[in-house]
Amino acid sequence: MTLDEVKQFLRMMNIEVDDTYAKELFAKCDKSMDGAIHGKEIEEFYELVTEREEISTIFEAYCDKNRLLAVDKLTEFLRKEQRENVNQQYAAQLIQKYELNEE
């Protein structure tokens, strides 16, 4: 994907990115330096564009030293941050439903 194709793709995905910033990120991801990004480079670009620091900050506040979010901590997060009236059973169901890690 060229820079123009990437910018068009981002517009289609409703992701607002300043042109200068998009160029900087594109250059950073274009490891082959051929004016286009391919495969893993596209994935890296997308991750950089959609990264949200505030989510990482909140996650770090609730996860354990192994960067895992236990049921009790998820329940605490949902109650404090999301202001939801939930119990640990509900949090466990969310983990069961959405957890990608099979460990």
N, C-alpha and C. Protein backbone atom coordinates (compact mmCIF):
# COMPACT_ATOMS: atom_id res chain seq x y z
N MET A 1 0.84 -1.18 0.00
CA MET A 1 0.00 0.00 0.00
C MET A 1 0.88 1.24 0.00
N THR A 2 0.56 2.15 -0.86
CA THR A 2 1.26 3.42 -0.87
C THR A 2 0.70 4.32 0.22
N LEU A 3 1.35 5.44 0.46
CA LEU A 3 0.86 6.38 1.47
C LEU A 3 -0.54 6.85 1.12
N ASP A 4 -0.79 7.18 -0.13
CA ASP A 4 -2.13 7.63 -0.54
C ASP A 4 -3.18 6.54 -0.31
N GLU A 5 -2.85 5.30 -0.61
CA GLU A 5 -3.78 4.19 -0.38
C GLU A 5 -4.05 4.00 1.12
N VAL A 6 -3.02 4.16 1.91
CA VAL A 6 -3.17 4.03 3.36
C VAL A 6 -4.08 5.14 3.88
N LYS A 7 -3.85 6.37 3.43
CA LYS A 7 -4.69 7.49 3.88
C LYS A 7 -6.14 7.29 3.45
N GLN A 8 -6.35 6.78 2.26
CA GLN A 8 -7.71 6.49 1.78
C GLN A 8 -8.35 5.40 2.65
N PHE A 9 -7.58 4.37 2.96
CA PHE A 9 -8.07 3.30 3.82
C PHE A 9 -8.46 3.84 5.20
N LEU A 10 -7.64 4.71 5.77
CA LEU A 10 -7.94 5.28 7.08
C LEU A 10 -9.22 6.10 7.05
N ARG A 11 -9.42 6.86 5.97
CA ARG A 11 -10.66 7.63 5.83
C ARG A 11 -11.86 6.69 5.77
N MET A 12 -11.73 5.59 5.04
CA MET A 12 -12.81 4.61 4.94
C MET A 12 -13.13 4.00 6.30
N MET A 13 -12.11 3.87 7.15
CA MET A 13 -12.27 3.29 8.48
C MET A 13 -12.66 4.35 9.52
N ASN A 14 -12.84 5.58 9.07
CA ASN A 14 -13.21 6.69 9.97
C ASN A 14 -12.12 6.99 11.00
N ILE A 15 -10.87 6.85 10.60
CA ILE A 15 -9.74 7.15 11.48
C ILE A 15 -9.12 8.45 11.00
N GLU A 16 -9.24 9.48 11.83
CA GLU A 16 -8.72 10.80 11.48
C GLU A 16 -7.25 10.90 11.87
N VAL A 17 -6.40 11.17 10.87
CA VAL A 17 -4.97 11.31 11.11
C VAL A 17 -4.46 12.49 10.30
N ASP A 18 -3.72 13.35 10.94
CA ASP A 18 -3.08 14.48 10.28
C ASP A 18 -2.11 13.96 9.21
N ASP A 19 -2.05 14.63 8.04
CA ASP A 19 -1.19 14.17 6.94
C ASP A 19 0.27 14.06 7.35
N THR A 20 0.76 15.04 8.08
CA THR A 20 2.16 15.02 8.51
C THR A 20 2.43 13.82 9.40
N TYR A 21 1.52 13.59 10.34
CA TYR A 21 1.66 12.45 11.25
C TYR A 21 1.59 11.14 10.48
N ALA A 22 0.67 11.05 9.53
CA ALA A 22 0.53 9.84 8.71
C ALA A 22 1.83 9.57 7.94
N LYS A 23 2.43 10.62 7.40
CA LYS A 23 3.70 10.46 6.66
C LYS A 23 4.81 9.96 7.57
N GLU A 24 4.88 10.52 8.78
CA GLU A 24 5.91 10.09 9.74
C GLU A 24 5.74 8.62 10.09
N LEU A 25 4.51 8.22 10.39
CA LEU A 25 4.25 6.83 10.74
C LEU A 25 4.52 5.90 9.56
N PHE A 26 4.11 6.35 8.37
CA PHE A 26 4.33 5.55 7.16
C PHE A 26 5.83 5.31 6.96
N ALA A 27 6.62 6.38 7.08
CA ALA A 27 8.07 6.25 6.92
C ALA A 27 8.66 5.31 7.96
N LYS A 28 8.15 5.39 9.17
CA LYS A 28 8.63 4.52 10.25
C LYS A 28 8.33 3.05 9.94
N CYS A 29 7.19 2.78 9.31
CA CYS A 29 6.78 1.40 9.04
C CYS A 29 7.33 0.85 7.72
N ASP A 30 7.73 1.71 6.83
CA ASP A 30 8.24 1.29 5.53
C ASP A 30 9.67 0.79 5.66
N LYS A 31 9.82 -0.38 6.27
CA LYS A 31 11.14 -0.95 6.55
C LYS A 31 11.91 -1.26 5.26
N SER A 32 11.19 -1.62 4.20
CA SER A 32 11.83 -1.94 2.93
C SER A 32 12.24 -0.67 2.18
N MET A 33 11.74 0.46 2.63
CA MET A 33 12.05 1.77 2.05
C MET A 33 11.79 1.81 0.55
N ASP A 34 10.66 1.19 0.14
CA ASP A 34 10.31 1.19 -1.28
C ASP A 34 9.10 2.07 -1.58
N GLY A 35 8.68 2.87 -0.60
CA GLY A 35 7.55 3.77 -0.82
C GLY A 35 6.20 3.10 -0.66
N ALA A 36 6.20 1.88 -0.15
CA ALA A 36 4.95 1.16 0.09
C ALA A 36 5.14 0.28 1.32
N ILE A 37 4.03 0.00 1.98
CA ILE A 37 4.10 -0.91 3.12
C ILE A 37 3.35 -2.19 2.77
N HIS A 38 3.87 -3.29 3.28
CA HIS A 38 3.34 -4.60 2.94
C HIS A 38 3.20 -5.44 4.21
N GLY A 39 2.22 -6.34 4.24
CA GLY A 39 2.08 -7.34 5.30
C GLY A 39 2.21 -6.79 6.70
N LYS A 40 3.27 -7.20 7.38
CA LYS A 40 3.51 -6.80 8.77
C LYS A 40 3.68 -5.29 8.90
N GLU A 41 4.19 -4.65 7.87
CA GLU A 41 4.34 -3.19 7.91
C GLU A 41 2.98 -2.51 8.01
N ILE A 42 2.00 -3.05 7.29
CA ILE A 42 0.63 -2.50 7.34
C ILE A 42 0.06 -2.70 8.74
N GLU A 43 0.27 -3.88 9.31
CA GLU A 43 -0.21 -4.16 10.66
C GLU A 43 0.41 -3.18 11.66
N GLU A 44 1.70 -2.97 11.54
CA GLU A 44 2.40 -2.05 12.45
C GLU A 44 1.85 -0.63 12.30
N PHE A 45 1.62 -0.19 11.06
CA PHE A 45 1.08 1.13 10.82
C PHE A 45 -0.29 1.27 11.48
N TYR A 46 -1.15 0.29 11.27
CA TYR A 46 -2.49 0.33 11.83
C TYR A 46 -2.44 0.39 13.36
N GLU A 47 -1.57 -0.41 13.96
CA GLU A 47 -1.44 -0.40 15.42
C GLU A 47 -0.98 0.96 15.92
N LEU A 48 -0.04 1.57 15.24
CA LEU A 48 0.45 2.89 15.64
C LEU A 48 -0.65 3.95 15.54
N VAL A 49 -1.43 3.88 14.48
CA VAL A 49 -2.48 4.87 14.26
C VAL A 49 -3.62 4.72 15.27
N THR A 50 -3.92 3.50 15.63
CA THR A 50 -5.08 3.26 16.51
C THR A 50 -4.70 3.12 17.99
N GLU A 51 -3.42 3.24 18.29
CA GLU A 51 -2.98 3.13 19.68
C GLU A 51 -3.61 4.24 20.53
N ARG A 52 -4.11 3.85 21.70
CA ARG A 52 -4.73 4.83 22.60
C ARG A 52 -4.05 4.73 23.96
N GLU A 53 -3.25 5.73 24.26
CA GLU A 53 -2.46 5.73 25.48
C GLU A 53 -3.32 5.65 26.74
N GLU A 54 -4.49 6.31 26.73
CA GLU A 54 -5.32 6.31 27.93
C GLU A 54 -5.81 4.91 28.28
N ILE A 55 -6.02 4.08 27.28
CA ILE A 55 -6.44 2.70 27.55
C ILE A 55 -5.30 1.92 28.19
N SER A 56 -4.10 2.11 27.69
CA SER A 56 -2.94 1.45 28.28
C SER A 56 -2.73 1.89 29.73
N THR A 57 -2.92 3.16 30.00
CA THR A 57 -2.75 3.69 31.35
C THR A 57 -3.74 3.06 32.31
N ILE A 58 -5.00 2.99 31.90
CA ILE A 58 -6.02 2.38 32.76
C ILE A 58 -5.74 0.90 32.95
N PHE A 59 -5.37 0.20 31.88
CA PHE A 59 -5.07 -1.22 31.99
C PHE A 59 -3.93 -1.45 32.99
N GLU A 60 -2.89 -0.65 32.89
CA GLU A 60 -1.75 -0.80 33.80
C GLU A 60 -2.15 -0.61 35.26
N ALA A 61 -3.14 0.23 35.49
CA ALA A 61 -3.60 0.48 36.86
C ALA A 61 -4.32 -0.73 37.45
N TYR A 62 -4.89 -1.58 36.62
CA TYR A 62 -5.69 -2.71 37.10
C TYR A 62 -5.04 -4.08 36.90
N CYS A 63 -4.08 -4.20 36.03
CA CYS A 63 -3.50 -5.52 35.76
C CYS A 63 -2.47 -5.89 36.83
N ASP A 64 -2.10 -7.18 36.85
CA ASP A 64 -1.08 -7.62 37.79
C ASP A 64 0.31 -7.50 37.14
N LYS A 65 1.33 -7.94 37.86
CA LYS A 65 2.71 -7.78 37.36
C LYS A 65 2.97 -8.54 36.07
N ASN A 66 2.13 -9.54 35.76
CA ASN A 66 2.26 -10.31 34.52
C ASN A 66 1.39 -9.75 33.40
N ARG A 67 0.81 -8.57 33.63
CA ARG A 67 -0.06 -7.89 32.68
C ARG A 67 -1.32 -8.70 32.39
N LEU A 68 -1.83 -9.35 33.43
CA LEU A 68 -3.08 -10.10 33.34
C LEU A 68 -4.13 -9.37 34.16
N LEU A 69 -5.37 -9.43 33.71
CA LEU A 69 -6.46 -8.77 34.39
C LEU A 69 -7.35 -9.84 35.01
N ALA A 70 -7.27 -9.99 36.33
CA ALA A 70 -8.04 -11.00 37.04
C ALA A 70 -9.50 -10.58 37.15
N VAL A 71 -10.35 -11.53 37.45
CA VAL A 71 -11.79 -11.29 37.55
C VAL A 71 -12.10 -10.17 38.54
N ASP A 72 -11.45 -10.22 39.73
CA ASP A 72 -11.73 -9.18 40.73
C ASP A 72 -11.31 -7.80 40.27
N LYS A 73 -10.20 -7.72 39.53
CA LYS A 73 -9.73 -6.42 39.02
C LYS A 73 -10.62 -5.92 37.88
N LEU A 74 -11.10 -6.84 37.05
CA LEU A 74 -12.03 -6.43 36.00
C LEU A 74 -13.32 -5.92 36.62
N THR A 75 -13.79 -6.60 37.64
CA THR A 75 -15.00 -6.15 38.34
C THR A 75 -14.79 -4.76 38.92
N GLU A 76 -13.64 -4.56 39.55
CA GLU A 76 -13.32 -3.24 40.13
C GLU A 76 -13.29 -2.17 39.04
N PHE A 77 -12.66 -2.49 37.90
CA PHE A 77 -12.61 -1.55 36.78
C PHE A 77 -14.02 -1.19 36.30
N LEU A 78 -14.84 -2.20 36.10
CA LEU A 78 -16.19 -1.95 35.60
C LEU A 78 -16.99 -1.09 36.57
N ARG A 79 -16.80 -1.32 37.85
CA ARG A 79 -17.53 -0.53 38.85
C ARG A 79 -17.00 0.90 38.95
N LYS A 80 -15.69 1.06 39.04
CA LYS A 80 -15.10 2.39 39.25
C LYS A 80 -15.03 3.23 37.98
N GLU A 81 -14.51 2.65 36.93
CA GLU A 81 -14.27 3.42 35.70
C GLU A 81 -15.50 3.51 34.81
N GLN A 82 -16.23 2.41 34.70
CA GLN A 82 -17.40 2.36 33.82
C GLN A 82 -18.70 2.66 34.56
N ARG A 83 -18.62 2.69 35.89
CA ARG A 83 -19.78 2.96 36.74
C ARG A 83 -20.93 1.98 36.49
N GLU A 84 -20.52 0.71 36.30
CA GLU A 84 -21.51 -0.35 36.10
C GLU A 84 -21.73 -1.10 37.40
N ASN A 85 -22.96 -1.46 37.67
CA ASN A 85 -23.29 -2.24 38.86
C ASN A 85 -23.23 -3.71 38.48
N VAL A 86 -22.02 -4.30 38.59
CA VAL A 86 -21.81 -5.68 38.16
C VAL A 86 -21.17 -6.49 39.29
N ASN A 87 -21.24 -7.81 39.14
CA ASN A 87 -20.59 -8.69 40.11
C ASN A 87 -19.47 -9.46 39.41
N GLN A 88 -18.75 -10.25 40.19
CA GLN A 88 -17.62 -11.00 39.63
C GLN A 88 -18.06 -12.06 38.63
N GLN A 89 -19.25 -12.58 38.79
CA GLN A 89 -19.76 -13.56 37.84
C GLN A 89 -19.89 -12.93 36.44
N TYR A 90 -20.39 -11.71 36.40
CA TYR A 90 -20.53 -11.00 35.13
C TYR A 90 -19.15 -10.76 34.50
N ALA A 91 -18.18 -10.34 35.33
CA ALA A 91 -16.82 -10.09 34.83
C ALA A 91 -16.22 -11.39 34.29
N ALA A 92 -16.45 -12.49 34.99
CA ALA A 92 -15.94 -13.79 34.54
C ALA A 92 -16.55 -14.18 33.19
N GLN A 93 -17.82 -13.88 33.02
CA GLN A 93 -18.48 -14.18 31.74
C GLN A 93 -17.88 -13.35 30.61
N LEU A 94 -17.54 -12.09 30.89
CA LEU A 94 -16.89 -11.25 29.87
C LEU A 94 -15.55 -11.83 29.47
N ILE A 95 -14.78 -12.25 30.45
CA ILE A 95 -13.48 -12.85 30.16
C ILE A 95 -13.66 -14.12 29.33
N GLN A 96 -14.58 -14.95 29.74
CA GLN A 96 -14.86 -16.20 29.02
C GLN A 96 -15.22 -15.91 27.55
N LYS A 97 -16.02 -14.90 27.35
CA LYS A 97 -16.52 -14.58 26.02
C LYS A 97 -15.46 -13.93 25.12
N TYR A 98 -14.64 -13.05 25.68
CA TYR A 98 -13.74 -12.23 24.85
C TYR A 98 -12.27 -12.54 24.96
N GLU A 99 -11.86 -13.37 25.88
CA GLU A 99 -10.43 -13.66 26.06
C GLU A 99 -9.88 -14.38 24.84
N LEU A 100 -8.79 -13.84 24.29
CA LEU A 100 -8.15 -14.46 23.14
C LEU A 100 -7.10 -15.47 23.55
N ASN A 101 -6.51 -15.25 24.71
CA ASN A 101 -5.43 -16.12 25.19
C ASN A 101 -6.05 -17.40 25.76
N GLU A 102 -5.63 -18.53 25.25
CA GLU A 102 -6.19 -19.81 25.68
C GLU A 102 -5.51 -20.38 26.91
N GLU A 103 -4.53 -19.69 27.48
CA GLU A 103 -3.80 -20.19 28.66
C GLU A 103 -4.69 -20.26 29.86
